Amino acid sequence: MQNEYLIMLVPAAVAVAGGVLALLWNPLAQARSLIQHFAAGVVLSALSVELLPEIGREHARPSMVRVLFCKLIR
């Protein structure tokens, strides 16, 4: 039972630490841009791993998705 609470405490502590860091540190524009691009990459990674395979299984064949993607980027 103690181990579960410890595991739940880690993300809460990181969230609090991030809030304190945001209060105390005002990053330069270049650092802010770097952080935002990293966060966008994390979001895209989560989407590609979690949601896109499920959407592909339920809706379209992979070959159709590839063809439409290639037409879209032209």
C-alpha atoms as a PDB file:
ATOM      1  CA  MET A   1       0.000   0.000   0.000  1.00  0.00           C
ATOM      2  CA  GLN A   2       2.867   2.406   0.769  1.00  0.00           C
ATOM      3  CA  ASN A   3       4.447   1.785  -2.622  1.00  0.00           C
ATOM      4  CA  GLU A   4       1.308   2.940  -4.458  1.00  0.00           C
ATOM      5  CA  TYR A   5       1.255   6.215  -2.540  1.00  0.00           C
ATOM      6  CA  LEU A   6       4.915   6.762  -3.296  1.00  0.00           C
ATOM      7  CA  ILE A   7       4.288   6.193  -6.999  1.00  0.00           C
ATOM      8  CA  MET A   8       1.405   8.705  -6.925  1.00  0.00           C
ATOM      9  CA  LEU A   9       3.527  11.208  -5.017  1.00  0.00           C
ATOM     10  CA  VAL A  10       6.175  11.486  -7.753  1.00  0.00           C
ATOM     11  CA  PRO A  11       3.998  13.186 -10.444  1.00  0.00           C
ATOM     12  CA  ALA A  12       2.406  15.436  -7.829  1.00  0.00           C
ATOM     13  CA  ALA A  13       5.821  16.541  -6.573  1.00  0.00           C
ATOM     14  CA  VAL A  14       7.038  17.176 -10.119  1.00  0.00           C
ATOM     15  CA  ALA A  15       3.935  19.284 -10.844  1.00  0.00           C
ATOM     16  CA  VAL A  16       4.498  21.361  -7.708  1.00  0.00           C
ATOM     17  CA  ALA A  17       8.198  21.758  -8.530  1.00  0.00           C
ATOM     18  CA  GLY A  18       7.293  22.898 -12.046  1.00  0.00           C
ATOM     19  CA  GLY A  19       4.888  25.480 -10.644  1.00  0.00           C
ATOM     20  CA  VAL A  20       7.523  26.824  -8.267  1.00  0.00           C
ATOM     21  CA  LEU A  21      10.060  26.936 -11.095  1.00  0.00           C
ATOM     22  CA  ALA A  22       7.586  28.889 -13.239  1.00  0.00           C
ATOM     23  CA  LEU A  23       7.153  31.421 -10.439  1.00  0.00           C
ATOM     24  CA  LEU A  24      10.867  31.920  -9.886  1.00  0.00           C
ATOM     25  CA  TRP A  25      12.359  31.674 -13.389  1.00  0.00           C
ATOM     26  CA  ASN A  26      11.471  33.754 -16.422  1.00  0.00           C
ATOM     27  CA  PRO A  27      13.188  32.055 -19.383  1.00  0.00           C
ATOM     28  CA  LEU A  28      14.560  33.883 -22.379  1.00  0.00           C
ATOM     29  CA  ALA A  29      12.600  33.734 -25.619  1.00  0.00           C
ATOM     30  CA  GLN A  30      14.932  31.110 -27.093  1.00  0.00           C
ATOM     31  CA  ALA A  31      14.628  28.865 -24.021  1.00  0.00           C
ATOM     32  CA  ARG A  32      10.845  29.266 -24.033  1.00  0.00           C
ATOM     33  CA  SER A  33      10.756  28.286 -27.703  1.00  0.00           C
ATOM     34  CA  LEU A  34      12.907  25.223 -27.011  1.00  0.00           C
ATOM     35  CA  ILE A  35      10.633  24.136 -24.152  1.00  0.00           C
ATOM     36  CA  GLN A  36       7.496  24.622 -26.252  1.00  0.00           C
ATOM     37  CA  HIS A  37       8.928  22.629 -29.154  1.00  0.00           C
ATOM     38  CA  PHE A  38       9.899  19.828 -26.780  1.00  0.00           C
ATOM     39  CA  ALA A  39       6.376  19.795 -25.324  1.00  0.00           C
ATOM     40  CA  ALA A  40       4.876  19.676 -28.819  1.00  0.00           C
ATOM     41  CA  GLY A  41       7.092  16.699 -29.649  1.00  0.00           C
ATOM     42  CA  VAL A  42       5.925  14.914 -26.501  1.00  0.00           C
ATOM     43  CA  VAL A  43       2.286  15.500 -27.454  1.00  0.00           C
ATOM     44  CA  LEU A  44       2.826  14.258 -31.021  1.00  0.00           C
ATOM     45  CA  SER A  45       4.656  11.213 -29.725  1.00  0.00           C
ATOM     46  CA  ALA A  46       1.808  10.375 -27.363  1.00  0.00           C
ATOM     47  CA  LEU A  47      -0.701  10.783 -30.191  1.00  0.00           C
ATOM     48  CA  SER A  48       1.240   8.571 -32.549  1.00  0.00           C
ATOM     49  CA  VAL A  49       1.718   5.816 -29.983  1.00  0.00           C
ATOM     50  CA  GLU A  50      -1.702   5.836 -28.316  1.00  0.00           C
ATOM     51  CA  LEU A  51      -4.356   7.133 -30.699  1.00  0.00           C
ATOM     52  CA  LEU A  52      -3.266   6.691 -34.298  1.00  0.00           C
ATOM     53  CA  PRO A  53      -2.955   2.874 -34.249  1.00  0.00           C
ATOM     54  CA  GLU A  54      -6.445   2.581 -32.783  1.00  0.00           C
ATOM     55  CA  ILE A  55      -7.893   4.997 -35.325  1.00  0.00           C
ATOM     56  CA  GLY A  56      -6.190   3.066 -38.120  1.00  0.00           C
ATOM     57  CA  ARG A  57      -7.628  -0.245 -36.934  1.00  0.00           C
ATOM     58  CA  GLU A  58     -11.136   1.116 -36.715  1.00  0.00           C
ATOM     59  CA  HIS A  59     -11.408   3.331 -39.775  1.00  0.00           C
ATOM     60  CA  ALA A  60      -9.013   3.001 -42.668  1.00  0.00           C
ATOM     61  CA  ARG A  61      -6.548   0.578 -44.155  1.00  0.00           C
ATOM     62  CA  PRO A  62      -2.907   1.651 -43.720  1.00  0.00           C
ATOM     63  CA  SER A  63      -2.356   1.741 -47.482  1.00  0.00           C
ATOM     64  CA  MET A  64      -5.218   4.207 -47.874  1.00  0.00           C
ATOM     65  CA  VAL A  65      -3.783   6.404 -45.138  1.00  0.00           C
ATOM     66  CA  ARG A  66      -0.374   6.403 -46.855  1.00  0.00           C
ATOM     67  CA  VAL A  67      -1.876   7.348 -50.225  1.00  0.00           C
ATOM     68  CA  LEU A  68      -3.923  10.174 -48.731  1.00  0.00           C
ATOM     69  CA  PHE A  69      -0.932  11.456 -46.763  1.00  0.00           C
ATOM     70  CA  CYS A  70       1.260  11.485 -49.887  1.00  0.00           C
ATOM     71  CA  LYS A  71      -1.410  13.378 -51.808  1.00  0.00           C
ATOM     72  CA  LEU A  72      -1.772  15.821 -48.935  1.00  0.00           C
ATOM     73  CA  ILE A  73       1.897  16.772 -48.767  1.00  0.00           C
ATOM     74  CA  ARG A  74       2.247  17.416 -52.500  1.00  0.00           C
END
